[in-house]
Amino acid sequence: MNKYCTEWIQEWCLQNGWTDLFQERREYWAFPPHAVMPLPIPTEALLSIKAEKGFSPQERLWLSAAWAGAVISAGLGVYFQSPMPLVAAFAFCAVIFGLMDDE
Protein backbone atom coordinates (compact mmCIF):
# COMPACT_ATOMS: atom_id res chain seq x y z
CA MET A 1 0.00 0.00 0.00
CA ASN A 2 1.34 3.41 -0.93
CA LYS A 3 1.61 5.51 2.23
CA TYR A 4 2.58 8.70 0.44
CA CYS A 5 1.00 10.58 -2.40
CA THR A 6 3.57 11.22 -5.13
CA GLU A 7 2.35 14.80 -5.49
CA TRP A 8 3.21 15.48 -1.84
CA ILE A 9 6.77 14.25 -2.30
CA GLN A 10 7.11 16.08 -5.61
CA GLU A 11 6.07 19.27 -3.82
CA TRP A 12 8.73 18.68 -1.15
CA CYS A 13 11.34 18.06 -3.85
CA LEU A 14 10.50 21.35 -5.58
CA GLN A 15 10.75 23.24 -2.28
CA ASN A 16 14.13 21.71 -1.42
CA GLY A 17 15.76 21.68 -4.87
CA TRP A 18 15.63 17.92 -5.47
CA THR A 19 14.93 16.78 -9.06
CA ASP A 20 13.83 13.74 -11.08
CA LEU A 21 11.75 11.97 -8.44
CA PHE A 22 11.13 8.26 -9.02
CA GLN A 23 9.94 5.32 -6.94
CA GLU A 24 11.76 2.02 -6.80
CA ARG A 25 9.98 -0.71 -4.88
CA ARG A 26 8.68 1.06 -1.76
CA GLU A 27 11.27 3.83 -1.62
CA TYR A 28 11.32 7.27 -3.24
CA TRP A 29 14.55 8.50 -4.86
CA ALA A 30 15.60 11.85 -6.32
CA PHE A 31 18.68 13.86 -7.18
CA PRO A 32 19.68 16.28 -4.40
CA PRO A 33 20.87 19.76 -5.37
CA HIS A 34 24.16 19.66 -7.34
CA ALA A 35 24.35 15.85 -7.20
CA VAL A 36 25.10 13.33 -9.93
CA MET A 37 23.71 10.32 -8.08
CA PRO A 38 20.15 9.86 -6.78
CA LEU A 39 19.59 9.40 -3.08
CA PRO A 40 16.58 8.15 -1.14
CA ILE A 41 14.30 10.88 0.12
CA PRO A 42 15.26 11.38 3.80
CA THR A 43 13.09 9.51 6.28
CA GLU A 44 12.65 12.65 8.37
CA ALA A 45 11.19 14.44 5.34
CA LEU A 46 8.79 11.57 4.62
CA LEU A 47 7.65 11.48 8.25
CA SER A 48 7.07 15.23 8.33
CA ILE A 49 5.09 15.04 5.06
CA LYS A 50 2.99 12.22 6.51
CA ALA A 51 2.38 14.13 9.75
CA GLU A 52 1.34 17.23 7.84
CA LYS A 53 -0.84 15.63 5.16
CA GLY A 54 -2.34 12.62 6.97
CA PHE A 55 -3.58 9.55 5.15
CA SER A 56 -2.91 9.15 1.44
CA PRO A 57 -5.87 8.78 -0.94
CA GLN A 58 -5.17 5.06 -1.27
CA GLU A 59 -5.13 4.64 2.52
CA ARG A 60 -8.39 6.57 2.83
CA LEU A 61 -10.02 4.26 0.28
CA TRP A 62 -8.95 1.12 2.13
CA LEU A 63 -9.95 2.53 5.52
CA SER A 64 -13.37 3.39 4.12
CA ALA A 65 -13.68 -0.16 2.80
CA ALA A 66 -12.76 -1.53 6.24
CA TRP A 67 -15.38 0.64 7.95
CA ALA A 68 -18.04 -0.27 5.39
CA GLY A 69 -17.19 -3.97 5.71
CA ALA A 70 -17.40 -3.81 9.50
CA VAL A 71 -20.76 -2.02 9.51
CA ILE A 72 -22.28 -4.28 6.85
CA SER A 73 -21.03 -7.43 8.56
CA ALA A 74 -22.45 -6.25 11.89
CA GLY A 75 -25.83 -5.79 10.23
CA LEU A 76 -25.61 -9.18 8.53
CA GLY A 77 -24.56 -10.81 11.78
CA VAL A 78 -27.66 -9.50 13.51
CA TYR A 79 -29.91 -10.36 10.57
CA PHE A 80 -28.63 -13.93 10.15
CA GLN A 81 -28.01 -14.40 13.88
CA SER A 82 -24.54 -15.71 13.07
CA PRO A 83 -21.06 -14.54 13.98
CA MET A 84 -19.59 -15.57 10.61
CA PRO A 85 -20.01 -12.17 8.90
CA LEU A 86 -18.10 -10.60 11.80
CA VAL A 87 -15.34 -13.20 11.43
CA ALA A 88 -15.05 -12.41 7.72
CA ALA A 89 -14.96 -8.66 8.45
CA PHE A 90 -12.28 -9.20 11.09
CA ALA A 91 -10.13 -11.12 8.59
CA PHE A 92 -10.64 -8.41 5.94
CA CYS A 93 -9.71 -5.63 8.38
CA ALA A 94 -6.69 -7.58 9.62
CA VAL A 95 -5.35 -7.84 6.07
CA ILE A 96 -5.91 -4.13 5.45
CA PHE A 97 -4.15 -3.05 8.63
CA GLY A 98 -1.36 -5.50 7.95
CA LEU A 99 -0.79 -3.81 4.60
CA MET A 100 -0.75 -0.41 6.31
CA ASP A 101 2.07 -1.46 8.67
CA ASP A 102 5.40 0.26 8.08
CA GLU A 103 7.44 -2.91 8.21
PDB file of N, CA and C in Angstrom:
ATOM      1  N   MET A   1       0.848  -1.166   0.000  1.00  0.00           N
ATOM      2  CA  MET A   1       0.000   0.000   0.000  1.00  0.00           C
ATOM      3  C   MET A   1       0.900   1.237   0.000  1.00  0.00           C
ATOM      4  N   ASN A   2       0.551   2.193  -0.815  1.00  0.00           N
ATOM      5  CA  ASN A   2       1.339   3.409  -0.930  1.00  0.00           C
ATOM      6  C   ASN A   2       0.952   4.380   0.181  1.00  0.00           C
ATOM      7  N   LYS A   3       1.882   4.648   1.079  1.00  0.00           N
ATOM      8  CA  LYS A   3       1.605   5.511   2.227  1.00  0.00           C
ATOM      9  C   LYS A   3       1.707   6.988   1.897  1.00  0.00           C
ATOM     10  N   TYR A   4       2.355   7.309   0.794  1.00  0.00           N
ATOM     11  CA  TYR A   4       2.585   8.704   0.439  1.00  0.00           C
ATOM     12  C   TYR A   4       2.023   8.978  -0.946  1.00  0.00           C
ATOM     13  N   CYS A   5       1.474  10.136  -1.097  1.00  0.00           N
ATOM     14  CA  CYS A   5       0.997  10.581  -2.403  1.00  0.00           C
ATOM     15  C   CYS A   5       2.201  11.166  -3.140  1.00  0.00           C
ATOM     16  N   THR A   6       2.406  10.762  -4.366  1.00  0.00           N
ATOM     17  CA  THR A   6       3.569  11.216  -5.126  1.00  0.00           C
ATOM     18  C   THR A   6       3.582  12.730  -5.283  1.00  0.00           C
ATOM     19  N   GLU A   7       2.412  13.339  -5.371  1.00  0.00           N
ATOM     20  CA  GLU A   7       2.349  14.795  -5.494  1.00  0.00           C
ATOM     21  C   GLU A   7       2.914  15.480  -4.250  1.00  0.00           C
ATOM     22  N   TRP A   8       2.683  14.902  -3.079  1.00  0.00           N
ATOM     23  CA  TRP A   8       3.210  15.477  -1.842  1.00  0.00           C
ATOM     24  C   TRP A   8       4.735  15.479  -1.854  1.00  0.00           C
ATOM     25  N   ILE A   9       5.314  14.352  -2.285  1.00  0.00           N
ATOM     26  CA  ILE A   9       6.766  14.246  -2.299  1.00  0.00           C
ATOM     27  C   ILE A   9       7.353  15.120  -3.404  1.00  0.00           C
ATOM     28  N   GLN A  10       6.660  15.205  -4.530  1.00  0.00           N
ATOM     29  CA  GLN A  10       7.111  16.083  -5.613  1.00  0.00           C
ATOM     30  C   GLN A  10       7.126  17.542  -5.132  1.00  0.00           C
ATOM     31  N   GLU A  11       6.127  17.920  -4.383  1.00  0.00           N
ATOM     32  CA  GLU A  11       6.069  19.274  -3.822  1.00  0.00           C
ATOM     33  C   GLU A  11       7.253  19.524  -2.886  1.00  0.00           C
ATOM     34  N   TRP A  12       7.586  18.545  -2.044  1.00  0.00           N
ATOM     35  CA  TRP A  12       8.730  18.679  -1.150  1.00  0.00           C
ATOM     36  C   TRP A  12      10.019  18.806  -1.957  1.00  0.00           C
ATOM     37  N   CYS A  13      10.139  18.003  -3.009  1.00  0.00           N
ATOM     38  CA  CYS A  13      11.337  18.057  -3.845  1.00  0.00           C
ATOM     39  C   CYS A  13      11.503  19.439  -4.485  1.00  0.00           C
ATOM     40  N   LEU A  14      10.413  20.015  -4.975  1.00  0.00           N
ATOM     41  CA  LEU A  14      10.503  21.348  -5.576  1.00  0.00           C
ATOM     42  C   LEU A  14      10.906  22.397  -4.549  1.00  0.00           C
ATOM     43  N   GLN A  15      10.412  22.282  -3.327  1.00  0.00           N
ATOM     44  CA  GLN A  15      10.750  23.243  -2.282  1.00  0.00           C
ATOM     45  C   GLN A  15      12.200  23.134  -1.849  1.00  0.00           C
ATOM     46  N   ASN A  16      12.776  21.931  -1.924  1.00  0.00           N
ATOM     47  CA  ASN A  16      14.125  21.708  -1.422  1.00  0.00           C
ATOM     48  C   ASN A  16      15.175  21.541  -2.518  1.00  0.00           C
ATOM     49  N   GLY A  17      14.800  21.723  -3.775  1.00  0.00           N
ATOM     50  CA  GLY A  17      15.760  21.680  -4.868  1.00  0.00           C
ATOM     51  C   GLY A  17      16.112  20.295  -5.375  1.00  0.00           C
ATOM     52  N   TRP A  18      15.383  19.275  -4.980  1.00  0.00           N
ATOM     53  CA  TRP A  18      15.630  17.921  -5.473  1.00  0.00           C
ATOM     54  C   TRP A  18      14.938  17.767  -6.825  1.00  0.00           C
ATOM     55  N   THR A  19      15.497  16.935  -7.711  1.00  0.00           N
ATOM     56  CA  THR A  19      14.934  16.784  -9.060  1.00  0.00           C
ATOM     57  C   THR A  19      14.769  15.309  -9.420  1.00  0.00           C
ATOM     58  N   ASP A  20      14.008  15.064 -10.474  1.00  0.00           N
ATOM     59  CA  ASP A  20      13.825  13.741 -11.082  1.00  0.00           C
ATOM     60  C   ASP A  20      13.392  12.674 -10.074  1.00  0.00           C
ATOM     61  N   LEU A  21      12.286  12.914  -9.424  1.00  0.00           N
ATOM     62  CA  LEU A  21      11.752  11.972  -8.439  1.00  0.00           C
ATOM     63  C   LEU A  21      11.305  10.690  -9.132  1.00  0.00           C
ATOM     64  N   PHE A  22      11.649   9.549  -8.543  1.00  0.00           N
ATOM     65  CA  PHE A  22      11.134   8.260  -9.016  1.00  0.00           C
ATOM     66  C   PHE A  22      10.997   7.324  -7.820  1.00  0.00           C
ATOM     67  N   GLN A  23      10.186   6.282  -8.011  1.00  0.00           N
ATOM     68  CA  GLN A  23       9.944   5.324  -6.939  1.00  0.00           C
ATOM     69  C   GLN A  23      10.458   3.969  -7.387  1.00  0.00           C
ATOM     70  N   GLU A  24      11.276   3.365  -6.539  1.00  0.00           N
ATOM     71  CA  GLU A  24      11.762   2.019  -6.797  1.00  0.00           C
ATOM     72  C   GLU A  24      11.359   1.149  -5.626  1.00  0.00           C
ATOM     73  N   ARG A  25      10.595   0.136  -5.906  1.00  0.00           N
ATOM     74  CA  ARG A  25       9.977  -0.705  -4.878  1.00  0.00           C
ATOM     75  C   ARG A  25       9.130   0.157  -3.956  1.00  0.00           C
ATOM     76  N   ARG A  26       9.487   0.262  -2.700  1.00  0.00           N
ATOM     77  CA  ARG A  26       8.682   1.062  -1.763  1.00  0.00           C
ATOM     78  C   ARG A  26       9.411   2.312  -1.311  1.00  0.00           C
ATOM     79  N   GLU A  27      10.454   2.704  -2.034  1.00  0.00           N
ATOM     80  CA  GLU A  27      11.269   3.835  -1.615  1.00  0.00           C
ATOM     81  C   GLU A  27      11.306   4.897  -2.717  1.00  0.00           C
ATOM     82  N   TYR A  28      11.263   6.153  -2.302  1.00  0.00           N
ATOM     83  CA  TYR A  28      11.325   7.272  -3.238  1.00  0.00           C
ATOM     84  C   TYR A  28      12.760   7.765  -3.350  1.00  0.00           C
ATOM     85  N   TRP A  29      13.199   8.041  -4.580  1.00  0.00           N
ATOM     86  CA  TRP A  29      14.551   8.504  -4.859  1.00  0.00           C
ATOM     87  C   TRP A  29      14.474   9.785  -5.679  1.00  0.00           C
ATOM     88  N   ALA A  30      15.494  10.626  -5.526  1.00  0.00           N
ATOM     89  CA  ALA A  30      15.602  11.845  -6.324  1.00  0.00           C
ATOM     90  C   ALA A  30      17.050  12.332  -6.273  1.00  0.00           C
ATOM     91  N   PHE A  31      17.353  13.273  -7.154  1.00  0.00           N
ATOM     92  CA  PHE A  31      18.683  13.864  -7.181  1.00  0.00           C
ATOM     93  C   PHE A  31      18.699  15.089  -6.273  1.00  0.00           C
ATOM     94  N   PRO A  32      19.559  15.086  -5.238  1.00  0.00           N
ATOM     95  CA  PRO A  32      19.684  16.282  -4.399  1.00  0.00           C
ATOM     96  C   PRO A  32      20.303  17.430  -5.199  1.00  0.00           C
ATOM     97  N   PRO A  33      20.264  18.630  -4.660  1.00  0.00           N
ATOM     98  CA  PRO A  33      20.872  19.761  -5.371  1.00  0.00           C
ATOM     99  C   PRO A  33      22.356  19.514  -5.648  1.00  0.00           C
ATOM    100  N   HIS A  34      22.770  19.764  -6.894  1.00  0.00           N
ATOM    101  CA  HIS A  34      24.160  19.656  -7.341  1.00  0.00           C
ATOM    102  C   HIS A  34      24.715  18.242  -7.203  1.00  0.00           C
ATOM    103  N   ALA A  35      23.897  17.232  -7.337  1.00  0.00           N
ATOM    104  CA  ALA A  35      24.347  15.846  -7.203  1.00  0.00           C
ATOM    105  C   ALA A  35      24.267  15.136  -8.550  1.00  0.00           C
ATOM    106  N   VAL A  36      25.103  14.118  -8.702  1.00  0.00           N
ATOM    107  CA  VAL A  36      25.103  13.328  -9.929  1.00  0.00           C
ATOM    108  C   VAL A  36      24.582  11.914  -9.689  1.00  0.00           C
ATOM    109  N   MET A  37      24.196  11.643  -8.450  1.00  0.00           N
ATOM    110  CA  MET A  37      23.707  10.321  -8.077  1.00  0.00           C
ATOM    111  C   MET A  37      22.440  10.474  -7.243  1.00  0.00           C
ATOM    112  N   PRO A  38      21.377   9.718  -7.582  1.00  0.00           N
ATOM    113  CA  PRO A  38      20.147   9.856  -6.783  1.00  0.00           C
ATOM    114  C   PRO A  38      20.326   9.270  -5.388  1.00  0.00           C
ATOM    115  N   LEU A  39      19.601   9.866  -4.457  1.00  0.00           N
ATOM    116  CA  LEU A  39      19.593   9.402  -3.076  1.00  0.00           C
ATOM    117  C   LEU A  39      18.151   9.182  -2.637  1.00  0.00           C
ATOM    118  N   PRO A  40      17.940   8.298  -1.653  1.00  0.00           N
ATOM    119  CA  PRO A  40      16.579   8.155  -1.144  1.00  0.00           C
ATOM    120  C   PRO A  40      16.131   9.447  -0.467  1.00  0.00           C
ATOM    121  N   ILE A  41      14.847   9.723  -0.577  1.00  0.00           N
ATOM    122  CA  ILE A  41      14.297  10.884   0.123  1.00  0.00           C
ATOM    123  C   ILE A  41      14.498  10.632   1.619  1.00  0.00           C
ATOM    124  N   PRO A  42      14.998  11.609   2.369  1.00  0.00           N
ATOM    125  CA  PRO A  42      15.258  11.380   3.803  1.00  0.00           C
ATOM    126  C   PRO A  42      14.003  10.960   4.570  1.00  0.00           C
ATOM    127  N   THR A  43      14.195  10.040   5.480  1.00  0.00           N
ATOM    128  CA  THR A  43      13.091   9.513   6.276  1.00  0.00           C
ATOM    129  C   THR A  43      12.417  10.614   7.084  1.00  0.00           C
ATOM    130  N   GLU A  44      13.211  11.548   7.587  1.00  0.00           N
ATOM    131  CA  GLU A  44      12.646  12.654   8.367  1.00  0.00           C
ATOM    132  C   GLU A  44      11.693  13.482   7.509  1.00  0.00           C
ATOM    133  N   ALA A  45      12.054  13.674   6.250  1.00  0.00           N
ATOM    134  CA  ALA A  45      11.191  14.436   5.340  1.00  0.00           C
ATOM    135  C   ALA A  45       9.892  13.680   5.080  1.00  0.00           C
ATOM    136  N   LEU A  46       9.996  12.367   4.864  1.00  0.00           N
ATOM    137  CA  LEU A  46       8.791  11.574   4.623  1.00  0.00           C
ATOM    138  C   LEU A  46       7.874  11.579   5.845  1.00  0.00           C
ATOM    139  N   LEU A  47       8.463  11.469   7.032  1.00  0.00           N
ATOM    140  CA  LEU A  47       7.652  11.478   8.253  1.00  0.00           C
ATOM    141  C   LEU A  47       6.982  12.833   8.468  1.00  0.00           C
ATOM    142  N   SER A  48       7.684  13.909   8.159  1.00  0.00           N
ATOM    143  CA  SER A  48       7.069  15.232   8.326  1.00  0.00           C
ATOM    144  C   SER A  48       5.956  15.449   7.299  1.00  0.00           C
ATOM    145  N   ILE A  49       6.148  14.943   6.083  1.00  0.00           N
ATOM    146  CA  ILE A  49       5.093  15.038   5.060  1.00  0.00           C
ATOM    147  C   ILE A  49       3.864  14.262   5.526  1.00  0.00           C
ATOM    148  N   LYS A  50       4.096  13.058   6.044  1.00  0.00           N
ATOM    149  CA  LYS A  50       2.987  12.217   6.505  1.00  0.00           C
ATOM    150  C   LYS A  50       2.255  12.867   7.675  1.00  0.00           C
ATOM    151  N   ALA A  51       3.006  13.472   8.597  1.00  0.00           N
ATOM    152  CA  ALA A  51       2.380  14.129   9.749  1.00  0.00           C
ATOM    153  C   ALA A  51       1.566  15.341   9.315  1.00  0.00           C
ATOM    154  N   GLU A  52       2.040  16.036   8.304  1.00  0.00           N
ATOM    155  CA  GLU A  52       1.341  17.231   7.836  1.00  0.00           C
ATOM    156  C   GLU A  52       0.110  16.892   7.006  1.00  0.00           C
ATOM    157  N   LYS A  53       0.229  15.915   6.122  1.00  0.00           N
ATOM    158  CA  LYS A  53      -0.841  15.628   5.155  1.00  0.00           C
ATOM    159  C   LYS A  53      -1.833  14.576   5.626  1.00  0.00           C
ATOM    160  N   GLY A  54      -1.426  13.666   6.506  1.00  0.00           N
ATOM    161  CA  GLY A  54      -2.336  12.622   6.972  1.00  0.00           C
ATOM    162  C   GLY A  54      -2.326  11.409   6.058  1.00  0.00           C
ATOM    163  N   PHE A  55      -3.478  10.762   5.967  1.00  0.00           N
ATOM    164  CA  PHE A  55      -3.584   9.549   5.155  1.00  0.00           C
ATOM    165  C   PHE A  55      -3.539   9.887   3.668  1.00  0.00           C
ATOM    166  N   SER A  56      -2.935   8.988   2.892  1.00  0.00           N
ATOM    167  CA  SER A  56      -2.906   9.150   1.437  1.00  0.00           C
ATOM    168  C   SER A  56      -4.274   8.766   0.877  1.00  0.00           C
ATOM    169  N   PRO A  57      -4.573   9.156  -0.355  1.00  0.00           N
ATOM    170  CA  PRO A  57      -5.871   8.782  -0.942  1.00  0.00           C
ATOM    171  C   PRO A  57      -6.090   7.267  -0.976  1.00  0.00           C
ATOM    172  N   GLN A  58      -5.030   6.507  -1.247  1.00  0.00           N
ATOM    173  CA  GLN A  58      -5.170   5.055  -1.269  1.00  0.00           C
ATOM    174  C   GLN A  58      -5.478   4.516   0.128  1.00  0.00           C
ATOM    175  N   GLU A  59      -4.838   5.064   1.150  1.00  0.00           N
ATOM    176  CA  GLU A  59      -5.130   4.635   2.522  1.00  0.00           C
ATOM    177  C   GLU A  59      -6.555   4.990   2.916  1.00  0.00           C
ATOM    178  N   ARG A  60      -7.004   6.170   2.526  1.00  0.00           N
ATOM    179  CA  ARG A  60      -8.388   6.565   2.832  1.00  0.00           C
ATOM    180  C   ARG A  60      -9.395   5.611   2.193  1.00  0.00           C
ATOM    181  N   LEU A  61      -9.129   5.198   0.969  1.00  0.00           N
ATOM    182  CA  LEU A  61     -10.020   4.263   0.280  1.00  0.00           C
ATOM    183  C   LEU A  61     -10.107   2.944   1.039  1.00  0.00           C
ATOM    184  N   TRP A  62      -8.949   2.396   1.430  1.00  0.00           N
ATOM    185  CA  TRP A  62      -8.949   1.119   2.133  1.00  0.00           C
ATOM    186  C   TRP A  62      -9.553   1.228   3.522  1.00  0.00           C
ATOM    187  N   LEU A  63      -9.319   2.344   4.207  1.00  0.00           N
ATOM    188  CA  LEU A  63      -9.945   2.529   5.519  1.00  0.00           C
ATOM    189  C   LEU A  63     -11.460   2.647   5.403  1.00  0.00           C
ATOM    190  N   SER A  64     -11.923   3.302   4.361  1.00  0.00           N
ATOM    191  CA  SER A  64     -13.371   3.387   4.118  1.00  0.00           C
ATOM    192  C   SER A  64     -13.952   2.008   3.845  1.00  0.00           C
ATOM    193  N   ALA A  65     -13.222   1.209   3.082  1.00  0.00           N
ATOM    194  CA  ALA A  65     -13.683  -0.156   2.803  1.00  0.00           C
ATOM    195  C   ALA A  65     -13.729  -0.985   4.087  1.00  0.00           C
ATOM    196  N   ALA A  66     -12.762  -0.791   4.968  1.00  0.00           N
ATOM    197  CA  ALA A  66     -12.755  -1.526   6.239  1.00  0.00           C
ATOM    198  C   ALA A  66     -13.953  -1.131   7.098  1.00  0.00           C
ATOM    199  N   TRP A  67     -14.212   0.177   7.179  1.00  0.00           N
ATOM    200  CA  TRP A  67     -15.378   0.637   7.953  1.00  0.00           C
ATOM    201  C   TRP A  67     -16.678   0.106   7.358  1.00  0.00           C
ATOM    202  N   ALA A  68     -16.809   0.208   6.039  1.00  0.00           N
ATOM    203  CA  ALA A  68     -18.037  -0.270   5.391  1.00  0.00           C
ATOM    204  C   ALA A  68     -18.204  -1.768   5.613  1.00  0.00           C
ATOM    205  N   GLY A  69     -17.120  -2.526   5.486  1.00  0.00           N
ATOM    206  CA  GLY A  69     -17.191  -3.968   5.710  1.00  0.00           C
ATOM    207  C   GLY A  69     -17.587  -4.305   7.130  1.00  0.00           C
ATOM    208  N   ALA A  70     -17.067  -3.556   8.106  1.00  0.00           N
ATOM    209  CA  ALA A  70     -17.401  -3.814   9.505  1.00  0.00           C
ATOM    210  C   ALA A  70     -18.872  -3.515   9.788  1.00  0.00           C
ATOM    211  N   VAL A  71     -19.365  -2.402   9.268  1.00  0.00           N
ATOM    212  CA  VAL A  71     -20.759  -2.024   9.506  1.00  0.00           C
ATOM    213  C   VAL A  71     -21.712  -3.001   8.824  1.00  0.00           C
ATOM    214  N   ILE A  72     -21.416  -3.342   7.581  1.00  0.00           N
ATOM    215  CA  ILE A  72     -22.283  -4.278   6.846  1.00  0.00           C
ATOM    216  C   ILE A  72     -22.270  -5.648   7.510  1.00  0.00           C
ATOM    217  N   SER A  73     -21.095  -6.102   7.929  1.00  0.00           N
ATOM    218  CA  SER A  73     -21.028  -7.425   8.558  1.00  0.00           C
ATOM    219  C   SER A  73     -21.743  -7.430   9.914  1.00  0.00           C
ATOM    220  N   ALA A  74     -21.709  -6.316  10.634  1.00  0.00           N
ATOM    221  CA  ALA A  74     -22.452  -6.248  11.889  1.00  0.00           C
ATOM    222  C   ALA A  74     -23.949  -6.372  11.624  1.00  0.00           C
ATOM    223  N   GLY A  75     -24.425  -5.682  10.611  1.00  0.00           N
ATOM    224  CA  GLY A  75     -25.834  -5.793  10.235  1.00  0.00           C
ATOM    225  C   GLY A  75     -26.198  -7.191   9.787  1.00  0.00           C
ATOM    226  N   LEU A  76     -25.340  -7.812   8.976  1.00  0.00           N
ATOM    227  CA  LEU A  76     -25.608  -9.178   8.527  1.00  0.00           C
ATOM    228  C   LEU A  76     -25.542 -10.172   9.677  1.00  0.00           C
ATOM    229  N   GLY A  77     -24.653  -9.921  10.621  1.00  0.00           N
ATOM    230  CA  GLY A  77     -24.563 -10.807  11.783  1.00  0.00           C
ATOM    231  C   GLY A  77     -25.835 -10.792  12.609  1.00  0.00           C
ATOM    232  N   VAL A  78     -26.402  -9.600  12.772  1.00  0.00           N
ATOM    233  CA  VAL A  78     -27.660  -9.497  13.511  1.00  0.00           C
ATOM    234  C   VAL A  78     -28.798 -10.123  12.708  1.00  0.00           C
ATOM    235  N   TYR A  79     -28.830  -9.852  11.414  1.00  0.00           N
ATOM    236  CA  TYR A  79     -29.910 -10.356  10.571  1.00  0.00           C
ATOM    237  C   TYR A  79     -29.900 -11.891  10.501  1.00  0.00           C
ATOM    238  N   PHE A  80     -28.730 -12.483  10.270  1.00  0.00           N
ATOM    239  CA  PHE A  80     -28.635 -13.933  10.151  1.00  0.00           C
ATOM    240  C   PHE A  80     -28.433 -14.626  11.498  1.00  0.00           C
ATOM    241  N   GLN A  81     -28.260 -13.867  12.548  1.00  0.00           N
ATOM    242  CA  GLN A  81     -28.005 -14.396  13.883  1.00  0.00           C
ATOM    243  C   GLN A  81     -26.823 -15.377  13.856  1.00  0.00           C
ATOM    244  N   SER A  82     -25.741 -14.894  13.235  1.00  0.00           N
ATOM    245  CA  SER A  82     -24.544 -15.712  13.067  1.00  0.00           C
ATOM    246  C   SER A  82     -23.311 -14.825  13.226  1.00  0.00           C
ATOM    247  N   PRO A  83     -22.278 -15.332  13.833  1.00  0.00           N
ATOM    248  CA  PRO A  83     -21.063 -14.542  13.975  1.00  0.00           C
ATOM    249  C   PRO A  83     -20.153 -14.589  12.740  1.00  0.00           C
ATOM    250  N   MET A  84     -20.482 -15.392  11.750  1.00  0.00           N
ATOM    251  CA  MET A  84     -19.586 -15.569  10.610  1.00  0.00           C
ATOM    252  C   MET A  84     -19.344 -14.291   9.803  1.00  0.00           C
ATOM    253  N   PRO A  85     -20.338 -13.422   9.594  1.00  0.00           N
ATOM    254  CA  PRO A  85     -20.012 -12.169   8.897  1.00  0.00           C
ATOM    255  C   PRO A  85     -18.997 -11.320   9.662  1.00  0.00           C
ATOM    256  N   LEU A  86     -19.073 -11.338  10.994  1.00  0.00           N
ATOM    257  CA  LEU A  86     -18.100 -10.597  11.795  1.00  0.00           C
ATOM    258  C   LEU A  86     -16.707 -11.212  11.686  1.00  0.00           C
ATOM    259  N   VAL A  87     -16.631 -12.520  11.597  1.00  0.00           N
ATOM    260  CA  VAL A  87     -15.345 -13.196  11.434  1.00  0.00           C
ATOM    261  C   VAL A  87     -14.733 -12.820  10.093  1.00  0.00           C
ATOM    262  N   ALA A  88     -15.546 -12.795   9.046  1.00  0.00           N
ATOM    263  CA  ALA A  88     -15.051 -12.405   7.724  1.00  0.00           C
ATOM    264  C   ALA A  88     -14.599 -10.949   7.718  1.00  0.00           C
ATOM    265  N   ALA A  89     -15.347 -10.075   8.381  1.00  0.00           N
ATOM    266  CA  ALA A  89     -14.961  -8.665   8.450  1.00  0.00           C
ATOM    267  C   ALA A  89     -13.671  -8.503   9.246  1.00  0.00           C
ATOM    268  N   PHE A  90     -13.508  -9.270  10.315  1.00  0.00           N
ATOM    269  CA  PHE A  90     -12.278  -9.205  11.093  1.00  0.00           C
ATOM    270  C   PHE A  90     -11.084  -9.612  10.231  1.00  0.00           C
ATOM    271  N   ALA A  91     -11.225 -10.674   9.458  1.00  0.00           N
ATOM    272  CA  ALA A  91     -10.130 -11.117   8.588  1.00  0.00           C
ATOM    273  C   ALA A  91      -9.809 -10.053   7.532  1.00  0.00           C
ATOM    274  N   PHE A  92     -10.835  -9.461   6.945  1.00  0.00           N
ATOM    275  CA  PHE A  92     -10.645  -8.415   5.944  1.00  0.00           C
ATOM    276  C   PHE A  92      -9.918  -7.217   6.542  1.00  0.00           C
ATOM    277  N   CYS A  93     -10.349  -6.774   7.714  1.00  0.00           N
ATOM    278  CA  CYS A  93      -9.711  -5.625   8.378  1.00  0.00           C
ATOM    279  C   CYS A  93      -8.289  -5.956   8.811  1.00  0.00           C
ATOM    280  N   ALA A  94      -8.041  -7.185   9.226  1.00  0.00           N
ATOM    281  CA  ALA A  94      -6.687  -7.578   9.620  1.00  0.00           C
ATOM    282  C   ALA A  94      -5.731  -7.510   8.436  1.00  0.00           C
ATOM    283  N   VAL A  95      -6.188  -7.922   7.277  1.00  0.00           N
ATOM    284  CA  VAL A  95      -5.352  -7.841   6.067  1.00  0.00           C
ATOM    285  C   VAL A  95      -5.076  -6.383   5.710  1.00  0.00           C
ATOM    286  N   ILE A  96      -6.088  -5.545   5.785  1.00  0.00           N
ATOM    287  CA  ILE A  96      -5.910  -4.129   5.450  1.00  0.00           C
ATOM    288  C   ILE A  96      -4.908  -3.474   6.396  1.00  0.00           C
ATOM    289  N   PHE A  97      -5.063  -3.678   7.679  1.00  0.00           N
ATOM    290  CA  PHE A  97      -4.153  -3.048   8.631  1.00  0.00           C
ATOM    291  C   PHE A  97      -2.765  -3.676   8.591  1.00  0.00           C
ATOM    292  N   GLY A  98      -2.673  -4.910   8.186  1.00  0.00           N
ATOM    293  CA  GLY A  98      -1.363  -5.503   7.951  1.00  0.00           C
ATOM    294  C   GLY A  98      -0.652  -4.844   6.789  1.00  0.00           C
ATOM    295  N   LEU A  99      -1.381  -4.513   5.746  1.00  0.00           N
ATOM    296  CA  LEU A  99      -0.791  -3.809   4.601  1.00  0.00           C
ATOM    297  C   LEU A  99      -0.387  -2.374   4.951  1.00  0.00           C
ATOM    298  N   MET A 100      -1.068  -1.788   5.919  1.00  0.00           N
ATOM    299  CA  MET A 100      -0.750  -0.414   6.312  1.00  0.00           C
ATOM    300  C   MET A 100       0.444  -0.333   7.259  1.00  0.00           C
ATOM    301  N   ASP A 101       0.947  -1.461   7.744  1.00  0.00           N
ATOM    302  CA  ASP A 101       2.066  -1.462   8.668  1.00  0.00           C
ATOM    303  C   ASP A 101       3.328  -0.983   7.952  1.00  0.00           C
ATOM    304  N   ASP A 102       4.179  -0.282   8.677  1.00  0.00           N
ATOM    305  CA  ASP A 102       5.398   0.260   8.084  1.00  0.00           C
ATOM    306  C   ASP A 102       6.406  -0.826   7.722  1.00  0.00           C
ATOM    307  N   GLU A 103       6.448  -1.871   8.448  1.00  0.00           N
ATOM    308  CA  GLU A 103       7.439  -2.906   8.209  1.00  0.00           C
ATOM    309  C   GLU A 103       6.803  -4.025   7.466  1.00  0.00           C
TER     310      GLU A 103
END
